[in-house]
Amino acid sequence: MLKKLIKPAIILLLLLLVASQFILPRIFSTRLETSLSQELDDYEELKVRINSFPAIKLLTGRVDQLEIKANNLVSEQLTLERLEASYSDLKLVKDASEQWQVRQGENTELEVELTDKDLNHYLATRSELDILDSFRIDLTSDQMVMVGNLRFFNTDLSLQLTGGFSIYDHQTLIFNSDKLAVDQIVISTSVIEQLKDELSFKISLADFPLPLELTEVNIEEGSLQLLGGTRE
């Protein structure tokens, strides 16, 4: 009698494993997508796809692969026009509110786009740039141009600062100025260097809900293209 039950039990187990391979990734993709959406300030489109084999590992929070695609997502007042990222070997845990959070994982591929419009909106909120009045930035081929007005010894200066970006700790963009042009008044080189330092700024992606591994930044007409990931 027992032998007769073994074969049906094995078949049933296999069917359950096959079914879980289709069902569990969808369930956990939806759950993580919901959790991420609640951590973001806003977004237009957000898609999350999770995969593990066997899928039963998902019940313990183990994720083999994760892919995320998003448009116009906002985190810490910074809008990312487009984000596409892949991850491997993630560990998900539930927080106090029963939402799934990523505790570890490797960002294998990353593509992010930021427009100059969104950067202008973001930099307008940065206190370190309050010394400028009515400033704006333009992203041209291979460089960023910042134009604004500055009150200097009872004189209104019209200035233009150009430069590029470097990456620090794989999560922070640092603006490095290389040239400062000032109209209407002659000022010393030391003052120019001081102004360049005061007008520097950082853009951090460290608070993004998922880890981001930035390795390259390219300035194109009207946008910043950020590339990264550990997969070569």
C-alpha atoms as a PDB file:
ATOM      1  CA  MET A   1       0.000   0.000   0.000  1.00  0.00           C
ATOM      2  CA  LEU A   2       2.813   2.386   0.943  1.00  0.00           C
ATOM      3  CA  LYS A   3       4.628   1.676  -2.304  1.00  0.00           C
ATOM      4  CA  LYS A   4       1.505   2.592  -4.259  1.00  0.00           C
ATOM      5  CA  LEU A   5       1.402   5.984  -2.545  1.00  0.00           C
ATOM      6  CA  ILE A   6       5.035   6.854  -3.152  1.00  0.00           C
ATOM      7  CA  LYS A   7       4.704   7.423  -6.888  1.00  0.00           C
ATOM      8  CA  PRO A   8       1.613   9.689  -6.661  1.00  0.00           C
ATOM      9  CA  ALA A   9       3.294  11.600  -3.821  1.00  0.00           C
ATOM     10  CA  ILE A  10       6.407  12.177  -5.927  1.00  0.00           C
ATOM     11  CA  ILE A  11       4.295  13.317  -8.868  1.00  0.00           C
ATOM     12  CA  LEU A  12       2.325  15.669  -6.631  1.00  0.00           C
ATOM     13  CA  LEU A  13       5.543  17.086  -5.169  1.00  0.00           C
ATOM     14  CA  LEU A  14       6.958  17.693  -8.635  1.00  0.00           C
ATOM     15  CA  LEU A  15       3.763  19.417  -9.713  1.00  0.00           C
ATOM     16  CA  LEU A  16       3.904  21.649  -6.651  1.00  0.00           C
ATOM     17  CA  LEU A  17       7.527  22.539  -7.357  1.00  0.00           C
ATOM     18  CA  VAL A  18       6.718  23.357 -10.995  1.00  0.00           C
ATOM     19  CA  ALA A  19       3.711  25.441  -9.951  1.00  0.00           C
ATOM     20  CA  SER A  20       5.770  27.296  -7.343  1.00  0.00           C
ATOM     21  CA  GLN A  21       8.321  28.165 -10.010  1.00  0.00           C
ATOM     22  CA  PHE A  22       5.653  30.157 -11.830  1.00  0.00           C
ATOM     23  CA  ILE A  23       3.619  31.490  -8.898  1.00  0.00           C
ATOM     24  CA  LEU A  24       6.147  32.467  -6.220  1.00  0.00           C
ATOM     25  CA  PRO A  25       8.298  34.791  -8.401  1.00  0.00           C
ATOM     26  CA  ARG A  26       5.180  36.705  -9.413  1.00  0.00           C
ATOM     27  CA  ILE A  27       4.014  37.036  -5.833  1.00  0.00           C
ATOM     28  CA  PHE A  28       7.377  38.241  -4.559  1.00  0.00           C
ATOM     29  CA  SER A  29       7.878  40.569  -7.535  1.00  0.00           C
ATOM     30  CA  THR A  30       4.579  42.259  -6.698  1.00  0.00           C
ATOM     31  CA  ARG A  31       5.429  42.467  -3.005  1.00  0.00           C
ATOM     32  CA  LEU A  32       8.847  44.007  -3.575  1.00  0.00           C
ATOM     33  CA  GLU A  33       7.436  46.378  -6.183  1.00  0.00           C
ATOM     34  CA  THR A  34       4.893  47.561  -3.615  1.00  0.00           C
ATOM     35  CA  SER A  35       7.580  48.020  -0.969  1.00  0.00           C
ATOM     36  CA  LEU A  36       9.813  50.004  -3.334  1.00  0.00           C
ATOM     37  CA  SER A  37       6.942  52.223  -4.446  1.00  0.00           C
ATOM     38  CA  GLN A  38       6.288  53.165  -0.824  1.00  0.00           C
ATOM     39  CA  GLU A  39       9.931  54.167  -0.298  1.00  0.00           C
ATOM     40  CA  LEU A  40      10.017  56.393  -3.371  1.00  0.00           C
ATOM     41  CA  ASP A  41       8.674  59.953  -3.349  1.00  0.00           C
ATOM     42  CA  ASP A  42       6.931  59.380  -6.679  1.00  0.00           C
ATOM     43  CA  TYR A  43       7.190  57.431  -9.930  1.00  0.00           C
ATOM     44  CA  GLU A  44       5.541  57.131 -13.318  1.00  0.00           C
ATOM     45  CA  GLU A  45       6.327  53.492 -14.061  1.00  0.00           C
ATOM     46  CA  LEU A  46       7.920  50.792 -11.922  1.00  0.00           C
ATOM     47  CA  LYS A  47       8.376  47.156 -12.888  1.00  0.00           C
ATOM     48  CA  VAL A  48      10.132  44.518 -10.789  1.00  0.00           C
ATOM     49  CA  ARG A  49      10.910  40.980 -11.896  1.00  0.00           C
ATOM     50  CA  ILE A  50      12.268  38.378  -9.482  1.00  0.00           C
ATOM     51  CA  ASN A  51      13.593  34.902 -10.233  1.00  0.00           C
ATOM     52  CA  SER A  52      15.053  32.116  -8.077  1.00  0.00           C
ATOM     53  CA  PHE A  53      15.629  28.438  -8.615  1.00  0.00           C
ATOM     54  CA  PRO A  54      14.172  26.616  -6.946  1.00  0.00           C
ATOM     55  CA  ALA A  55      11.544  29.276  -6.320  1.00  0.00           C
ATOM     56  CA  ILE A  56      10.875  27.833  -2.879  1.00  0.00           C
ATOM     57  CA  LYS A  57      14.004  29.772  -1.775  1.00  0.00           C
ATOM     58  CA  LEU A  58      11.943  32.933  -2.020  1.00  0.00           C
ATOM     59  CA  LEU A  59      10.081  31.908   1.105  1.00  0.00           C
ATOM     60  CA  THR A  60      13.328  32.441   3.022  1.00  0.00           C
ATOM     61  CA  GLY A  61      14.010  35.776   1.288  1.00  0.00           C
ATOM     62  CA  ARG A  62      16.684  34.470  -1.079  1.00  0.00           C
ATOM     63  CA  VAL A  63      16.575  35.952  -4.597  1.00  0.00           C
ATOM     64  CA  ASP A  64      18.875  34.741  -7.363  1.00  0.00           C
ATOM     65  CA  GLN A  65      18.096  37.528  -9.835  1.00  0.00           C
ATOM     66  CA  LEU A  66      16.145  40.763  -9.815  1.00  0.00           C
ATOM     67  CA  GLU A  67      15.465  43.194 -12.645  1.00  0.00           C
ATOM     68  CA  ILE A  68      13.971  46.638 -12.232  1.00  0.00           C
ATOM     69  CA  LYS A  69      12.807  49.117 -14.849  1.00  0.00           C
ATOM     70  CA  ALA A  70      11.418  52.525 -13.941  1.00  0.00           C
ATOM     71  CA  ASN A  71      10.584  55.872 -15.490  1.00  0.00           C
ATOM     72  CA  ASN A  72      10.418  59.264 -13.790  1.00  0.00           C
ATOM     73  CA  LEU A  73      10.988  57.938 -10.311  1.00  0.00           C
ATOM     74  CA  VAL A  74      11.708  60.437  -7.542  1.00  0.00           C
ATOM     75  CA  SER A  75      13.924  59.696  -4.544  1.00  0.00           C
ATOM     76  CA  GLU A  76      15.093  62.371  -2.082  1.00  0.00           C
ATOM     77  CA  GLN A  77      13.750  65.096  -4.455  1.00  0.00           C
ATOM     78  CA  LEU A  78      15.920  63.833  -7.326  1.00  0.00           C
ATOM     79  CA  THR A  79      14.066  62.648 -10.422  1.00  0.00           C
ATOM     80  CA  LEU A  80      15.582  59.844 -12.483  1.00  0.00           C
ATOM     81  CA  GLU A  81      14.201  59.971 -15.993  1.00  0.00           C
ATOM     82  CA  ARG A  82      14.995  56.309 -16.568  1.00  0.00           C
ATOM     83  CA  LEU A  83      16.461  53.497 -14.501  1.00  0.00           C
ATOM     84  CA  GLU A  84      17.249  49.937 -15.558  1.00  0.00           C
ATOM     85  CA  ALA A  85      19.133  47.682 -13.167  1.00  0.00           C
ATOM     86  CA  SER A  86      19.873  44.013 -12.544  1.00  0.00           C
ATOM     87  CA  TYR A  87      20.828  42.365  -9.265  1.00  0.00           C
ATOM     88  CA  SER A  88      21.995  38.968  -8.086  1.00  0.00           C
ATOM     89  CA  ASP A  89      22.179  37.105  -4.760  1.00  0.00           C
ATOM     90  CA  LEU A  90      19.765  39.308  -2.865  1.00  0.00           C
ATOM     91  CA  LYS A  91      18.506  38.817   0.662  1.00  0.00           C
ATOM     92  CA  LEU A  92      15.050  40.160   1.444  1.00  0.00           C
ATOM     93  CA  VAL A  93      13.753  40.652   4.966  1.00  0.00           C
ATOM     94  CA  LYS A  94      10.503  41.990   6.376  1.00  0.00           C
ATOM     95  CA  ASP A  95      10.615  45.212   8.347  1.00  0.00           C
ATOM     96  CA  ALA A  96       8.392  46.227  11.250  1.00  0.00           C
ATOM     97  CA  SER A  97       5.586  47.175   8.853  1.00  0.00           C
ATOM     98  CA  GLU A  98       5.722  43.757   7.149  1.00  0.00           C
ATOM     99  CA  GLN A  99       7.226  45.225   3.981  1.00  0.00           C
ATOM    100  CA  TRP A 100      10.056  43.468   2.142  1.00  0.00           C
ATOM    101  CA  GLN A 101      13.393  45.281   2.245  1.00  0.00           C
ATOM    102  CA  VAL A 102      16.675  44.497   0.455  1.00  0.00           C
ATOM    103  CA  ARG A 103      19.431  43.849   2.990  1.00  0.00           C
ATOM    104  CA  GLN A 104      22.159  42.640   0.638  1.00  0.00           C
ATOM    105  CA  GLY A 105      22.715  42.084  -3.041  1.00  0.00           C
ATOM    106  CA  GLU A 106      25.028  42.787  -5.954  1.00  0.00           C
ATOM    107  CA  ASN A 107      24.135  45.379  -8.583  1.00  0.00           C
ATOM    108  CA  THR A 108      25.346  43.599 -11.720  1.00  0.00           C
ATOM    109  CA  GLU A 109      24.077  46.045 -14.378  1.00  0.00           C
ATOM    110  CA  LEU A 110      22.931  49.659 -14.197  1.00  0.00           C
ATOM    111  CA  GLU A 111      21.738  52.374 -16.570  1.00  0.00           C
ATOM    112  CA  VAL A 112      20.373  55.686 -15.287  1.00  0.00           C
ATOM    113  CA  GLU A 113      19.373  58.838 -17.147  1.00  0.00           C
ATOM    114  CA  LEU A 114      18.908  62.301 -15.597  1.00  0.00           C
ATOM    115  CA  THR A 115      17.737  65.273 -17.658  1.00  0.00           C
ATOM    116  CA  ASP A 116      19.040  68.814 -17.214  1.00  0.00           C
ATOM    117  CA  LYS A 117      15.476  69.902 -16.398  1.00  0.00           C
ATOM    118  CA  ASP A 118      15.319  67.496 -13.465  1.00  0.00           C
ATOM    119  CA  LEU A 119      18.818  68.456 -12.324  1.00  0.00           C
ATOM    120  CA  ASN A 120      17.862  72.141 -12.315  1.00  0.00           C
ATOM    121  CA  HIS A 121      14.831  71.346 -10.190  1.00  0.00           C
ATOM    122  CA  TYR A 122      16.933  69.294  -7.778  1.00  0.00           C
ATOM    123  CA  LEU A 123      19.823  71.756  -7.460  1.00  0.00           C
ATOM    124  CA  ALA A 124      17.368  74.565  -6.709  1.00  0.00           C
ATOM    125  CA  THR A 125      16.726  72.766  -3.395  1.00  0.00           C
ATOM    126  CA  ARG A 126      20.423  72.591  -2.442  1.00  0.00           C
ATOM    127  CA  SER A 127      21.433  75.081   0.233  1.00  0.00           C
ATOM    128  CA  GLU A 128      25.115  75.140  -0.802  1.00  0.00           C
ATOM    129  CA  LEU A 129      24.104  76.892  -4.033  1.00  0.00           C
ATOM    130  CA  ASP A 130      22.149  79.664  -2.298  1.00  0.00           C
ATOM    131  CA  ILE A 131      24.998  82.078  -3.009  1.00  0.00           C
ATOM    132  CA  LEU A 132      23.804  82.128  -6.620  1.00  0.00           C
ATOM    133  CA  ASP A 133      20.710  83.955  -7.802  1.00  0.00           C
ATOM    134  CA  SER A 134      18.606  82.731 -10.716  1.00  0.00           C
ATOM    135  CA  PHE A 135      21.070  80.079 -11.793  1.00  0.00           C
ATOM    136  CA  ARG A 136      20.525  77.294 -14.260  1.00  0.00           C
ATOM    137  CA  ILE A 137      22.553  74.441 -15.667  1.00  0.00           C
ATOM    138  CA  ASP A 138      22.806  73.177 -19.218  1.00  0.00           C
ATOM    139  CA  LEU A 139      24.185  69.806 -20.195  1.00  0.00           C
ATOM    140  CA  THR A 140      26.062  70.018 -23.465  1.00  0.00           C
ATOM    141  CA  SER A 141      28.315  67.531 -25.165  1.00  0.00           C
ATOM    142  CA  ASP A 142      30.925  66.387 -22.596  1.00  0.00           C
ATOM    143  CA  GLN A 143      30.429  69.205 -20.068  1.00  0.00           C
ATOM    144  CA  MET A 144      28.008  70.895 -17.707  1.00  0.00           C
ATOM    145  CA  VAL A 145      27.551  74.661 -17.843  1.00  0.00           C
ATOM    146  CA  MET A 146      26.202  76.590 -14.843  1.00  0.00           C
ATOM    147  CA  VAL A 147      25.075  80.171 -15.417  1.00  0.00           C
ATOM    148  CA  GLY A 148      23.920  82.523 -12.657  1.00  0.00           C
ATOM    149  CA  ASN A 149      24.247  85.821 -10.822  1.00  0.00           C
ATOM    150  CA  LEU A 150      26.315  86.425  -7.703  1.00  0.00           C
ATOM    151  CA  ARG A 151      26.420  89.397  -5.317  1.00  0.00           C
ATOM    152  CA  PHE A 152      30.092  90.196  -4.718  1.00  0.00           C
ATOM    153  CA  PHE A 153      31.179  93.302  -2.727  1.00  0.00           C
ATOM    154  CA  ASN A 154      28.004  95.224  -3.631  1.00  0.00           C
ATOM    155  CA  THR A 155      28.409  94.244  -7.260  1.00  0.00           C
ATOM    156  CA  ASP A 156      26.173  91.894  -9.219  1.00  0.00           C
ATOM    157  CA  LEU A 157      28.329  89.444 -11.120  1.00  0.00           C
ATOM    158  CA  SER A 158      27.206  87.366 -14.053  1.00  0.00           C
ATOM    159  CA  LEU A 159      29.213  84.155 -14.064  1.00  0.00           C
ATOM    160  CA  GLN A 160      29.512  80.961 -16.040  1.00  0.00           C
ATOM    161  CA  LEU A 161      31.033  77.800 -14.593  1.00  0.00           C
ATOM    162  CA  THR A 162      31.888  74.737 -16.653  1.00  0.00           C
ATOM    163  CA  GLY A 163      33.034  71.273 -15.637  1.00  0.00           C
ATOM    164  CA  GLY A 164      32.275  67.586 -15.417  1.00  0.00           C
ATOM    165  CA  PHE A 165      31.482  64.855 -12.926  1.00  0.00           C
ATOM    166  CA  SER A 166      33.473  62.200 -11.115  1.00  0.00           C
ATOM    167  CA  ILE A 167      32.191  59.251  -9.091  1.00  0.00           C
ATOM    168  CA  TYR A 168      32.895  58.740  -5.412  1.00  0.00           C
ATOM    169  CA  ASP A 169      32.182  55.499  -3.502  1.00  0.00           C
ATOM    170  CA  HIS A 170      30.135  54.209  -6.459  1.00  0.00           C
ATOM    171  CA  GLN A 171      27.053  56.108  -5.240  1.00  0.00           C
ATOM    172  CA  THR A 172      27.902  59.800  -5.378  1.00  0.00           C
ATOM    173  CA  LEU A 173      28.438  62.217  -8.276  1.00  0.00           C
ATOM    174  CA  ILE A 174      30.835  65.088  -7.601  1.00  0.00           C
ATOM    175  CA  PHE A 175      30.811  68.141  -9.857  1.00  0.00           C
ATOM    176  CA  ASN A 176      34.360  69.217 -10.697  1.00  0.00           C
ATOM    177  CA  SER A 177      34.642  72.702 -12.200  1.00  0.00           C
ATOM    178  CA  ASP A 178      37.433  73.451 -14.647  1.00  0.00           C
ATOM    179  CA  LYS A 179      36.687  77.025 -15.764  1.00  0.00           C
ATOM    180  CA  LEU A 180      34.929  80.065 -14.278  1.00  0.00           C
ATOM    181  CA  ALA A 181      34.118  83.121 -16.370  1.00  0.00           C
ATOM    182  CA  VAL A 182      33.063  86.329 -14.571  1.00  0.00           C
ATOM    183  CA  ASP A 183      31.689  89.441 -16.296  1.00  0.00           C
ATOM    184  CA  GLN A 184      31.883  93.134 -15.310  1.00  0.00           C
ATOM    185  CA  ILE A 185      34.728  92.949 -12.813  1.00  0.00           C
ATOM    186  CA  VAL A 186      38.309  91.725 -12.538  1.00  0.00           C
ATOM    187  CA  ILE A 187      38.904  89.468  -9.530  1.00  0.00           C
ATOM    188  CA  SER A 188      41.981  87.637  -8.347  1.00  0.00           C
ATOM    189  CA  THR A 189      42.824  84.053  -9.172  1.00  0.00           C
ATOM    190  CA  SER A 190      42.533  83.070  -5.501  1.00  0.00           C
ATOM    191  CA  VAL A 191      38.984  84.440  -5.321  1.00  0.00           C
ATOM    192  CA  ILE A 192      38.077  82.604  -8.500  1.00  0.00           C
ATOM    193  CA  GLU A 193      39.369  79.355  -7.002  1.00  0.00           C
ATOM    194  CA  GLN A 194      37.382  80.034  -3.827  1.00  0.00           C
ATOM    195  CA  LEU A 195      34.220  80.622  -5.842  1.00  0.00           C
ATOM    196  CA  LYS A 196      34.789  77.428  -7.786  1.00  0.00           C
ATOM    197  CA  ASP A 197      35.069  75.513  -4.523  1.00  0.00           C
ATOM    198  CA  GLU A 198      31.926  77.102  -3.088  1.00  0.00           C
ATOM    199  CA  LEU A 199      29.965  76.288  -6.230  1.00  0.00           C
ATOM    200  CA  SER A 200      30.895  72.617  -6.193  1.00  0.00           C
ATOM    201  CA  PHE A 201      28.206  70.129  -5.228  1.00  0.00           C
ATOM    202  CA  LYS A 202      27.458  66.437  -4.849  1.00  0.00           C
ATOM    203  CA  ILE A 203      24.543  64.278  -5.974  1.00  0.00           C
ATOM    204  CA  SER A 204      24.166  61.213  -3.790  1.00  0.00           C
ATOM    205  CA  LEU A 205      22.192  58.091  -4.715  1.00  0.00           C
ATOM    206  CA  ALA A 206      23.089  56.344  -1.457  1.00  0.00           C
ATOM    207  CA  ASP A 207      19.540  56.586  -0.101  1.00  0.00           C
ATOM    208  CA  PHE A 208      17.987  54.798  -3.067  1.00  0.00           C
ATOM    209  CA  PRO A 209      16.012  51.742  -1.832  1.00  0.00           C
ATOM    210  CA  LEU A 210      18.286  49.382  -3.785  1.00  0.00           C
ATOM    211  CA  PRO A 211      22.100  49.515  -3.918  1.00  0.00           C
ATOM    212  CA  LEU A 212      23.484  51.294  -6.988  1.00  0.00           C
ATOM    213  CA  GLU A 213      26.990  50.602  -8.298  1.00  0.00           C
ATOM    214  CA  LEU A 214      28.022  53.602 -10.409  1.00  0.00           C
ATOM    215  CA  THR A 215      31.179  53.250 -12.471  1.00  0.00           C
ATOM    216  CA  GLU A 216      30.830  55.720 -15.340  1.00  0.00           C
ATOM    217  CA  VAL A 217      29.136  59.061 -16.029  1.00  0.00           C
ATOM    218  CA  ASN A 218      28.695  60.558 -19.481  1.00  0.00           C
ATOM    219  CA  ILE A 219      27.387  64.043 -20.247  1.00  0.00           C
ATOM    220  CA  GLU A 220      25.247  64.212 -23.353  1.00  0.00           C
ATOM    221  CA  GLU A 221      23.127  66.954 -24.857  1.00  0.00           C
ATOM    222  CA  GLY A 222      20.397  67.569 -22.299  1.00  0.00           C
ATOM    223  CA  SER A 223      21.079  64.601 -20.030  1.00  0.00           C
ATOM    224  CA  LEU A 224      23.464  62.681 -17.785  1.00  0.00           C
ATOM    225  CA  GLN A 225      23.965  58.999 -18.578  1.00  0.00           C
ATOM    226  CA  LEU A 226      25.067  56.945 -15.588  1.00  0.00           C
ATOM    227  CA  LEU A 227      26.395  53.428 -16.134  1.00  0.00           C
ATOM    228  CA  GLY A 228      27.479  50.822 -13.662  1.00  0.00           C
ATOM    229  CA  GLY A 229      27.275  47.338 -12.285  1.00  0.00           C
ATOM    230  CA  THR A 230      29.825  44.736 -11.350  1.00  0.00           C
ATOM    231  CA  ARG A 231      29.400  42.615 -14.466  1.00  0.00           C
ATOM    232  CA  GLU A 232      32.017  43.382 -17.090  1.00  0.00           C
END
